[in-house]
Amino acid sequence: MTTVGATELLIILFIFLLLFGASRLPRLARSVGEAQSEYEAGRKERPGGRESGSKEVTEEVALIEAAKKLGIKTEGKTVEEIAKEILESKE
């Protein structure tokens, strides 16, 4: 596998400059950077291999962590049962 050297990189940048123009290149670079940062944020937000961005999943994880801190066993229970036990333990 070959690597891209400085000369090849300059040729690619020149072609992008010709295709998009000098005014569009900063916007293009900014949108690529924003897309990359959103992707990284989504990867960090993804708990335990579940789908990222789901508010329900993050609430479920928070409930399970809170139950474990209170000494409540969570195995085999639904989220509703765990929430009910947490509320009962606070009374």
PDB file of N, CA and C in Angstrom:
ATOM      1  N   MET A   1       0.850  -1.180   0.000  1.00  0.00           N
ATOM      2  CA  MET A   1       0.000   0.000   0.000  1.00  0.00           C
ATOM      3  C   MET A   1       0.890   1.235   0.000  1.00  0.00           C
ATOM      4  N   THR A   2       0.548   2.186  -0.816  1.00  0.00           N
ATOM      5  CA  THR A   2       1.369   3.391  -0.932  1.00  0.00           C
ATOM      6  C   THR A   2       0.794   4.500  -0.067  1.00  0.00           C
ATOM      7  N   THR A   3       1.643   5.432   0.277  1.00  0.00           N
ATOM      8  CA  THR A   3       1.208   6.582   1.064  1.00  0.00           C
ATOM      9  C   THR A   3       1.131   7.812   0.172  1.00  0.00           C
ATOM     10  N   VAL A   4       0.374   8.781   0.608  1.00  0.00           N
ATOM     11  CA  VAL A   4       0.235  10.020  -0.136  1.00  0.00           C
ATOM     12  C   VAL A   4       1.331  10.967   0.328  1.00  0.00           C
ATOM     13  N   GLY A   5       2.155  11.379  -0.595  1.00  0.00           N
ATOM     14  CA  GLY A   5       3.250  12.286  -0.282  1.00  0.00           C
ATOM     15  C   GLY A   5       2.815  13.731  -0.374  1.00  0.00           C
ATOM     16  N   ALA A   6       3.753  14.618  -0.153  1.00  0.00           N
ATOM     17  CA  ALA A   6       3.459  16.051  -0.171  1.00  0.00           C
ATOM     18  C   ALA A   6       3.047  16.515  -1.561  1.00  0.00           C
ATOM     19  N   THR A   7       3.703  16.023  -2.590  1.00  0.00           N
ATOM     20  CA  THR A   7       3.377  16.432  -3.957  1.00  0.00           C
ATOM     21  C   THR A   7       1.963  16.003  -4.326  1.00  0.00           C
ATOM     22  N   GLU A   8       1.615  14.768  -4.014  1.00  0.00           N
ATOM     23  CA  GLU A   8       0.278  14.284  -4.318  1.00  0.00           C
ATOM     24  C   GLU A   8      -0.786  15.062  -3.556  1.00  0.00           C
ATOM     25  N   LEU A   9      -0.483  15.389  -2.313  1.00  0.00           N
ATOM     26  CA  LEU A   9      -1.422  16.167  -1.504  1.00  0.00           C
ATOM     27  C   LEU A   9      -1.644  17.552  -2.106  1.00  0.00           C
ATOM     28  N   LEU A  10      -0.579  18.180  -2.574  1.00  0.00           N
ATOM     29  CA  LEU A  10      -0.715  19.493  -3.212  1.00  0.00           C
ATOM     30  C   LEU A  10      -1.532  19.408  -4.493  1.00  0.00           C
ATOM     31  N   ILE A  11      -1.353  18.349  -5.260  1.00  0.00           N
ATOM     32  CA  ILE A  11      -2.135  18.175  -6.493  1.00  0.00           C
ATOM     33  C   ILE A  11      -3.611  18.000  -6.153  1.00  0.00           C
ATOM     34  N   ILE A  12      -3.905  17.204  -5.141  1.00  0.00           N
ATOM     35  CA  ILE A  12      -5.300  17.000  -4.723  1.00  0.00           C
ATOM     36  C   ILE A  12      -5.918  18.306  -4.249  1.00  0.00           C
ATOM     37  N   LEU A  13      -5.184  19.076  -3.451  1.00  0.00           N
ATOM     38  CA  LEU A  13      -5.694  20.374  -2.985  1.00  0.00           C
ATOM     39  C   LEU A  13      -5.922  21.328  -4.147  1.00  0.00           C
ATOM     40  N   PHE A  14      -5.030  21.314  -5.138  1.00  0.00           N
ATOM     41  CA  PHE A  14      -5.195  22.167  -6.313  1.00  0.00           C
ATOM     42  C   PHE A  14      -6.451  21.788  -7.085  1.00  0.00           C
ATOM     43  N   ILE A  15      -6.714  20.493  -7.225  1.00  0.00           N
ATOM     44  CA  ILE A  15      -7.913  20.037  -7.931  1.00  0.00           C
ATOM     45  C   ILE A  15      -9.173  20.468  -7.163  1.00  0.00           C
ATOM     46  N   PHE A  16      -9.141  20.344  -5.825  1.00  0.00           N
ATOM     47  CA  PHE A  16     -10.272  20.815  -5.022  1.00  0.00           C
ATOM     48  C   PHE A  16     -10.473  22.313  -5.198  1.00  0.00           C
ATOM     49  N   LEU A  17      -9.389  23.061  -5.264  1.00  0.00           N
ATOM     50  CA  LEU A  17      -9.479  24.506  -5.460  1.00  0.00           C
ATOM     51  C   LEU A  17     -10.120  24.819  -6.799  1.00  0.00           C
ATOM     52  N   LEU A  18      -9.759  24.079  -7.838  1.00  0.00           N
ATOM     53  CA  LEU A  18     -10.359  24.304  -9.151  1.00  0.00           C
ATOM     54  C   LEU A  18     -11.834  23.917  -9.179  1.00  0.00           C
ATOM     55  N   LEU A  19     -12.179  22.815  -8.520  1.00  0.00           N
ATOM     56  CA  LEU A  19     -13.561  22.342  -8.543  1.00  0.00           C
ATOM     57  C   LEU A  19     -14.500  23.212  -7.721  1.00  0.00           C
ATOM     58  N   PHE A  20     -14.093  23.555  -6.523  1.00  0.00           N
ATOM     59  CA  PHE A  20     -14.990  24.244  -5.596  1.00  0.00           C
ATOM     60  C   PHE A  20     -14.761  25.741  -5.500  1.00  0.00           C
ATOM     61  N   GLY A  21     -13.623  26.227  -5.883  1.00  0.00           N
ATOM     62  CA  GLY A  21     -13.328  27.645  -5.784  1.00  0.00           C
ATOM     63  C   GLY A  21     -12.813  28.004  -4.403  1.00  0.00           C
ATOM     64  N   ALA A  22     -12.115  29.115  -4.342  1.00  0.00           N
ATOM     65  CA  ALA A  22     -11.472  29.536  -3.092  1.00  0.00           C
ATOM     66  C   ALA A  22     -12.488  29.890  -2.011  1.00  0.00           C
ATOM     67  N   SER A  23     -13.660  30.364  -2.386  1.00  0.00           N
ATOM     68  CA  SER A  23     -14.651  30.785  -1.385  1.00  0.00           C
ATOM     69  C   SER A  23     -15.350  29.589  -0.733  1.00  0.00           C
ATOM     70  N   ARG A  24     -15.453  28.481  -1.440  1.00  0.00           N
ATOM     71  CA  ARG A  24     -16.169  27.327  -0.894  1.00  0.00           C
ATOM     72  C   ARG A  24     -15.281  26.397  -0.073  1.00  0.00           C
ATOM     73  N   LEU A  25     -13.989  26.434  -0.256  1.00  0.00           N
ATOM     74  CA  LEU A  25     -13.112  25.509   0.464  1.00  0.00           C
ATOM     75  C   LEU A  25     -13.194  25.647   1.981  1.00  0.00           C
ATOM     76  N   PRO A  26     -13.208  26.861   2.545  1.00  0.00           N
ATOM     77  CA  PRO A  26     -13.335  26.940   4.012  1.00  0.00           C
ATOM     78  C   PRO A  26     -14.654  26.366   4.521  1.00  0.00           C
ATOM     79  N   ARG A  27     -15.741  26.604   3.781  1.00  0.00           N
ATOM     80  CA  ARG A  27     -17.028  26.031   4.190  1.00  0.00           C
ATOM     81  C   ARG A  27     -17.016  24.517   4.098  1.00  0.00           C
ATOM     82  N   LEU A  28     -16.389  23.984   3.058  1.00  0.00           N
ATOM     83  CA  LEU A  28     -16.290  22.543   2.895  1.00  0.00           C
ATOM     84  C   LEU A  28     -15.472  21.922   4.024  1.00  0.00           C
ATOM     85  N   ALA A  29     -14.352  22.539   4.347  1.00  0.00           N
ATOM     86  CA  ALA A  29     -13.508  22.036   5.439  1.00  0.00           C
ATOM     87  C   ALA A  29     -14.241  22.118   6.776  1.00  0.00           C
ATOM     88  N   ARG A  30     -14.988  23.201   6.995  1.00  0.00           N
ATOM     89  CA  ARG A  30     -15.738  23.361   8.233  1.00  0.00           C
ATOM     90  C   ARG A  30     -16.816  22.289   8.363  1.00  0.00           C
ATOM     91  N   SER A  31     -17.521  22.006   7.270  1.00  0.00           N
ATOM     92  CA  SER A  31     -18.579  20.995   7.333  1.00  0.00           C
ATOM     93  C   SER A  31     -17.993  19.599   7.549  1.00  0.00           C
ATOM     94  N   VAL A  32     -16.825  19.323   6.984  1.00  0.00           N
ATOM     95  CA  VAL A  32     -16.180  18.037   7.223  1.00  0.00           C
ATOM     96  C   VAL A  32     -15.771  17.934   8.686  1.00  0.00           C
ATOM     97  N   GLY A  33     -15.237  19.002   9.260  1.00  0.00           N
ATOM     98  CA  GLY A  33     -14.853  19.017  10.670  1.00  0.00           C
ATOM     99  C   GLY A  33     -16.046  18.839  11.597  1.00  0.00           C
ATOM    100  N   GLU A  34     -17.157  19.502  11.280  1.00  0.00           N
ATOM    101  CA  GLU A  34     -18.358  19.363  12.096  1.00  0.00           C
ATOM    102  C   GLU A  34     -18.910  17.943  12.032  1.00  0.00           C
ATOM    103  N   ALA A  35     -18.889  17.361  10.855  1.00  0.00           N
ATOM    104  CA  ALA A  35     -19.374  15.989  10.708  1.00  0.00           C
ATOM    105  C   ALA A  35     -18.503  15.022  11.513  1.00  0.00           C
ATOM    106  N   GLN A  36     -17.201  15.254  11.491  1.00  0.00           N
ATOM    107  CA  GLN A  36     -16.292  14.390  12.239  1.00  0.00           C
ATOM    108  C   GLN A  36     -16.522  14.543  13.744  1.00  0.00           C
ATOM    109  N   SER A  37     -16.718  15.771  14.216  1.00  0.00           N
ATOM    110  CA  SER A  37     -16.937  15.970  15.650  1.00  0.00           C
ATOM    111  C   SER A  37     -18.276  15.382  16.101  1.00  0.00           C
ATOM    112  N   GLU A  38     -19.310  15.469  15.256  1.00  0.00           N
ATOM    113  CA  GLU A  38     -20.595  14.849  15.585  1.00  0.00           C
ATOM    114  C   GLU A  38     -20.472  13.333  15.636  1.00  0.00           C
ATOM    115  N   TYR A  39     -19.698  12.779  14.728  1.00  0.00           N
ATOM    116  CA  TYR A  39     -19.478  11.334  14.724  1.00  0.00           C
ATOM    117  C   TYR A  39     -18.771  10.896  16.001  1.00  0.00           C
ATOM    118  N   GLU A  40     -17.726  11.616  16.394  1.00  0.00           N
ATOM    119  CA  GLU A  40     -16.993  11.278  17.617  1.00  0.00           C
ATOM    120  C   GLU A  40     -17.878  11.425  18.853  1.00  0.00           C
ATOM    121  N   ALA A  41     -18.708  12.472  18.883  1.00  0.00           N
ATOM    122  CA  ALA A  41     -19.611  12.664  20.019  1.00  0.00           C
ATOM    123  C   ALA A  41     -20.623  11.521  20.090  1.00  0.00           C
ATOM    124  N   GLY A  42     -21.092  11.080  18.957  1.00  0.00           N
ATOM    125  CA  GLY A  42     -22.023   9.963  18.923  1.00  0.00           C
ATOM    126  C   GLY A  42     -21.379   8.663  19.385  1.00  0.00           C
ATOM    127  N   ARG A  43     -20.132   8.468  19.033  1.00  0.00           N
ATOM    128  CA  ARG A  43     -19.423   7.257  19.471  1.00  0.00           C
ATOM    129  C   ARG A  43     -19.214   7.264  20.973  1.00  0.00           C
ATOM    130  N   LYS A  44     -18.908   8.427  21.548  1.00  0.00           N
ATOM    131  CA  LYS A  44     -18.686   8.519  22.994  1.00  0.00           C
ATOM    132  C   LYS A  44     -19.984   8.347  23.763  1.00  0.00           C
ATOM    133  N   GLU A  45     -21.105   8.747  23.146  1.00  0.00           N
ATOM    134  CA  GLU A  45     -22.419   8.698  23.805  1.00  0.00           C
ATOM    135  C   GLU A  45     -23.009   7.297  23.797  1.00  0.00           C
ATOM    136  N   ARG A  46     -22.449   6.400  23.033  1.00  0.00           N
ATOM    137  CA  ARG A  46     -23.008   5.069  22.833  1.00  0.00           C
ATOM    138  C   ARG A  46     -22.665   4.135  23.988  1.00  0.00           C
ATOM    139  N   PRO A  47     -23.601   3.918  24.942  1.00  0.00           N
ATOM    140  CA  PRO A  47     -23.312   3.063  26.094  1.00  0.00           C
ATOM    141  C   PRO A  47     -23.517   1.586  25.789  1.00  0.00           C
ATOM    142  N   GLY A  48     -22.533   0.796  26.042  1.00  0.00           N
ATOM    143  CA  GLY A  48     -22.654  -0.659  25.973  1.00  0.00           C
ATOM    144  C   GLY A  48     -23.062  -1.229  24.641  1.00  0.00           C
ATOM    145  N   GLY A  49     -22.686  -0.575  23.542  1.00  0.00           N
ATOM    146  CA  GLY A  49     -22.992  -1.114  22.235  1.00  0.00           C
ATOM    147  C   GLY A  49     -24.426  -0.898  21.791  1.00  0.00           C
ATOM    148  N   ARG A  50     -25.196  -0.135  22.513  1.00  0.00           N
ATOM    149  CA  ARG A  50     -26.579   0.136  22.112  1.00  0.00           C
ATOM    150  C   ARG A  50     -26.596   1.314  21.168  1.00  0.00           C
ATOM    151  N   GLU A  51     -27.741   1.561  20.573  1.00  0.00           N
ATOM    152  CA  GLU A  51     -27.835   2.657  19.619  1.00  0.00           C
ATOM    153  C   GLU A  51     -27.629   3.984  20.326  1.00  0.00           C
ATOM    154  N   SER A  52     -26.817   4.848  19.703  1.00  0.00           N
ATOM    155  CA  SER A  52     -26.528   6.131  20.319  1.00  0.00           C
ATOM    156  C   SER A  52     -27.659   7.116  20.059  1.00  0.00           C
ATOM    157  N   GLY A  53     -27.716   8.141  20.873  1.00  0.00           N
ATOM    158  CA  GLY A  53     -28.703   9.186  20.694  1.00  0.00           C
ATOM    159  C   GLY A  53     -30.061   8.871  21.260  1.00  0.00           C
ATOM    160  N   SER A  54     -30.266   7.720  21.776  1.00  0.00           N
ATOM    161  CA  SER A  54     -31.558   7.344  22.311  1.00  0.00           C
ATOM    162  C   SER A  54     -31.647   7.797  23.764  1.00  0.00           C
ATOM    163  N   LYS A  55     -32.575   8.693  24.039  1.00  0.00           N
ATOM    164  CA  LYS A  55     -32.755   9.201  25.395  1.00  0.00           C
ATOM    165  C   LYS A  55     -33.195   8.086  26.329  1.00  0.00           C
ATOM    166  N   GLU A  56     -33.994   7.164  25.799  1.00  0.00           N
ATOM    167  CA  GLU A  56     -34.490   6.057  26.606  1.00  0.00           C
ATOM    168  C   GLU A  56     -33.345   5.169  27.087  1.00  0.00           C
ATOM    169  N   VAL A  57     -32.373   4.921  26.249  1.00  0.00           N
ATOM    170  CA  VAL A  57     -31.239   4.075  26.620  1.00  0.00           C
ATOM    171  C   VAL A  57     -30.423   4.742  27.714  1.00  0.00           C
ATOM    172  N   THR A  58     -30.167   6.035  27.608  1.00  0.00           N
ATOM    173  CA  THR A  58     -29.363   6.716  28.616  1.00  0.00           C
ATOM    174  C   THR A  58     -30.103   6.792  29.947  1.00  0.00           C
ATOM    175  N   GLU A  59     -31.419   6.940  29.913  1.00  0.00           N
ATOM    176  CA  GLU A  59     -32.190   6.941  31.157  1.00  0.00           C
ATOM    177  C   GLU A  59     -32.152   5.564  31.806  1.00  0.00           C
ATOM    178  N   GLU A  60     -32.206   4.529  30.978  1.00  0.00           N
ATOM    179  CA  GLU A  60     -32.146   3.160  31.489  1.00  0.00           C
ATOM    180  C   GLU A  60     -30.801   2.910  32.166  1.00  0.00           C
ATOM    181  N   VAL A  61     -29.730   3.346  31.541  1.00  0.00           N
ATOM    182  CA  VAL A  61     -28.399   3.167  32.121  1.00  0.00           C
ATOM    183  C   VAL A  61     -28.286   3.937  33.430  1.00  0.00           C
ATOM    184  N   ALA A  62     -28.823   5.156  33.468  1.00  0.00           N
ATOM    185  CA  ALA A  62     -28.774   5.958  34.691  1.00  0.00           C
ATOM    186  C   ALA A  62     -29.569   5.300  35.819  1.00  0.00           C
ATOM    187  N   LEU A  63     -30.726   4.732  35.478  1.00  0.00           N
ATOM    188  CA  LEU A  63     -31.532   4.037  36.491  1.00  0.00           C
ATOM    189  C   LEU A  63     -30.802   2.825  37.047  1.00  0.00           C
ATOM    190  N   ILE A  64     -30.179   2.057  36.168  1.00  0.00           N
ATOM    191  CA  ILE A  64     -29.459   0.862  36.617  1.00  0.00           C
ATOM    192  C   ILE A  64     -28.278   1.245  37.504  1.00  0.00           C
ATOM    193  N   GLU A  65     -27.558   2.297  37.136  1.00  0.00           N
ATOM    194  CA  GLU A  65     -26.426   2.742  37.961  1.00  0.00           C
ATOM    195  C   GLU A  65     -26.908   3.232  39.328  1.00  0.00           C
ATOM    196  N   ALA A  66     -28.023   3.966  39.337  1.00  0.00           N
ATOM    197  CA  ALA A  66     -28.560   4.453  40.609  1.00  0.00           C
ATOM    198  C   ALA A  66     -29.006   3.292  41.488  1.00  0.00           C
ATOM    199  N   ALA A  67     -29.622   2.287  40.890  1.00  0.00           N
ATOM    200  CA  ALA A  67     -30.071   1.121  41.649  1.00  0.00           C
ATOM    201  C   ALA A  67     -28.883   0.369  42.247  1.00  0.00           C
ATOM    202  N   LYS A  68     -27.823   0.239  41.482  1.00  0.00           N
ATOM    203  CA  LYS A  68     -26.641  -0.454  41.990  1.00  0.00           C
ATOM    204  C   LYS A  68     -26.012   0.310  43.152  1.00  0.00           C
ATOM    205  N   LYS A  69     -26.032   1.636  43.095  1.00  0.00           N
ATOM    206  CA  LYS A  69     -25.486   2.445  44.193  1.00  0.00           C
ATOM    207  C   LYS A  69     -26.313   2.278  45.465  1.00  0.00           C
ATOM    208  N   LEU A  70     -27.615   2.040  45.279  1.00  0.00           N
ATOM    209  CA  LEU A  70     -28.490   1.859  46.427  1.00  0.00           C
ATOM    210  C   LEU A  70     -28.526   0.407  46.906  1.00  0.00           C
ATOM    211  N   GLY A  71     -27.814  -0.465  46.202  1.00  0.00           N
ATOM    212  CA  GLY A  71     -27.759  -1.868  46.598  1.00  0.00           C
ATOM    213  C   GLY A  71     -28.928  -2.702  46.108  1.00  0.00           C
ATOM    214  N   ILE A  72     -29.612  -2.236  45.094  1.00  0.00           N
ATOM    215  CA  ILE A  72     -30.755  -2.949  44.537  1.00  0.00           C
ATOM    216  C   ILE A  72     -30.266  -3.846  43.410  1.00  0.00           C
ATOM    217  N   LYS A  73     -30.684  -5.114  43.425  1.00  0.00           N
ATOM    218  CA  LYS A  73     -30.310  -6.038  42.362  1.00  0.00           C
ATOM    219  C   LYS A  73     -31.165  -5.746  41.131  1.00  0.00           C
ATOM    220  N   THR A  74     -30.509  -5.672  39.970  1.00  0.00           N
ATOM    221  CA  THR A  74     -31.202  -5.292  38.745  1.00  0.00           C
ATOM    222  C   THR A  74     -31.375  -6.437  37.753  1.00  0.00           C
ATOM    223  N   GLU A  75     -30.726  -7.555  37.979  1.00  0.00           N
ATOM    224  CA  GLU A  75     -30.787  -8.655  37.027  1.00  0.00           C
ATOM    225  C   GLU A  75     -32.199  -9.226  36.927  1.00  0.00           C
ATOM    226  N   GLY A  76     -32.669  -9.389  35.693  1.00  0.00           N
ATOM    227  CA  GLY A  76     -33.973  -9.994  35.458  1.00  0.00           C
ATOM    228  C   GLY A  76     -35.159  -9.081  35.706  1.00  0.00           C
ATOM    229  N   LYS A  77     -34.919  -7.811  35.960  1.00  0.00           N
ATOM    230  CA  LYS A  77     -36.018  -6.875  36.233  1.00  0.00           C
ATOM    231  C   LYS A  77     -36.166  -5.897  35.080  1.00  0.00           C
ATOM    232  N   THR A  78     -37.380  -5.411  34.891  1.00  0.00           N
ATOM    233  CA  THR A  78     -37.623  -4.398  33.877  1.00  0.00           C
ATOM    234  C   THR A  78     -37.231  -3.038  34.438  1.00  0.00           C
ATOM    235  N   VAL A  79     -37.148  -2.079  33.549  1.00  0.00           N
ATOM    236  CA  VAL A  79     -36.792  -0.718  33.960  1.00  0.00           C
ATOM    237  C   VAL A  79     -37.846  -0.158  34.906  1.00  0.00           C
ATOM    238  N   GLU A  80     -39.102  -0.475  34.657  1.00  0.00           N
ATOM    239  CA  GLU A  80     -40.183   0.013  35.516  1.00  0.00           C
ATOM    240  C   GLU A  80     -40.069  -0.565  36.929  1.00  0.00           C
ATOM    241  N   GLU A  81     -39.735  -1.854  37.023  1.00  0.00           N
ATOM    242  CA  GLU A  81     -39.571  -2.487  38.337  1.00  0.00           C
ATOM    243  C   GLU A  81     -38.392  -1.874  39.101  1.00  0.00           C
ATOM    244  N   ILE A  82     -37.316  -1.596  38.373  1.00  0.00           N
ATOM    245  CA  ILE A  82     -36.149  -0.978  39.018  1.00  0.00           C
ATOM    246  C   ILE A  82     -36.498   0.419  39.515  1.00  0.00           C
ATOM    247  N   ALA A  83     -37.206   1.188  38.689  1.00  0.00           N
ATOM    248  CA  ALA A  83     -37.598   2.538  39.085  1.00  0.00           C
ATOM    249  C   ALA A  83     -38.505   2.505  40.309  1.00  0.00           C
ATOM    250  N   LYS A  84     -39.422   1.557  40.343  1.00  0.00           N
ATOM    251  CA  LYS A  84     -40.334   1.425  41.483  1.00  0.00           C
ATOM    252  C   LYS A  84     -39.553   1.110  42.761  1.00  0.00           C
ATOM    253  N   GLU A  85     -38.572   0.204  42.676  1.00  0.00           N
ATOM    254  CA  GLU A  85     -37.775  -0.137  43.853  1.00  0.00           C
ATOM    255  C   GLU A  85     -36.930   1.044  44.326  1.00  0.00           C
ATOM    256  N   ILE A  86     -36.430   1.832  43.385  1.00  0.00           N
ATOM    257  CA  ILE A  86     -35.650   3.018  43.764  1.00  0.00           C
ATOM    258  C   ILE A  86     -36.543   3.987  44.522  1.00  0.00           C
ATOM    259  N   LEU A  87     -37.748   4.208  44.021  1.00  0.00           N
ATOM    260  CA  LEU A  87     -38.670   5.129  44.686  1.00  0.00           C
ATOM    261  C   LEU A  87     -39.059   4.603  46.075  1.00  0.00           C
ATOM    262  N   GLU A  88     -39.277   3.305  46.186  1.00  0.00           N
ATOM    263  CA  GLU A  88     -39.643   2.715  47.475  1.00  0.00           C
ATOM    264  C   GLU A  88     -38.500   2.804  48.470  1.00  0.00           C
ATOM    265  N   SER A  89     -37.269   2.707  48.003  1.00  0.00           N
ATOM    266  CA  SER A  89     -36.124   2.755  48.914  1.00  0.00           C
ATOM    267  C   SER A  89     -35.894   4.166  49.450  1.00  0.00           C
ATOM    268  N   LYS A  90     -36.377   5.178  48.758  1.00  0.00           N
ATOM    269  CA  LYS A  90     -36.193   6.556  49.202  1.00  0.00           C
ATOM    270  C   LYS A  90     -37.252   6.972  50.214  1.00  0.00           C
ATOM    271  N   GLU A  91     -38.321   6.205  50.355  1.00  0.00           N
ATOM    272  CA  GLU A  91     -39.414   6.588  51.268  1.00  0.00           C
ATOM    273  C   GLU A  91     -39.111   6.238  52.682  1.00  0.00           C
TER     274      GLU A  91
END
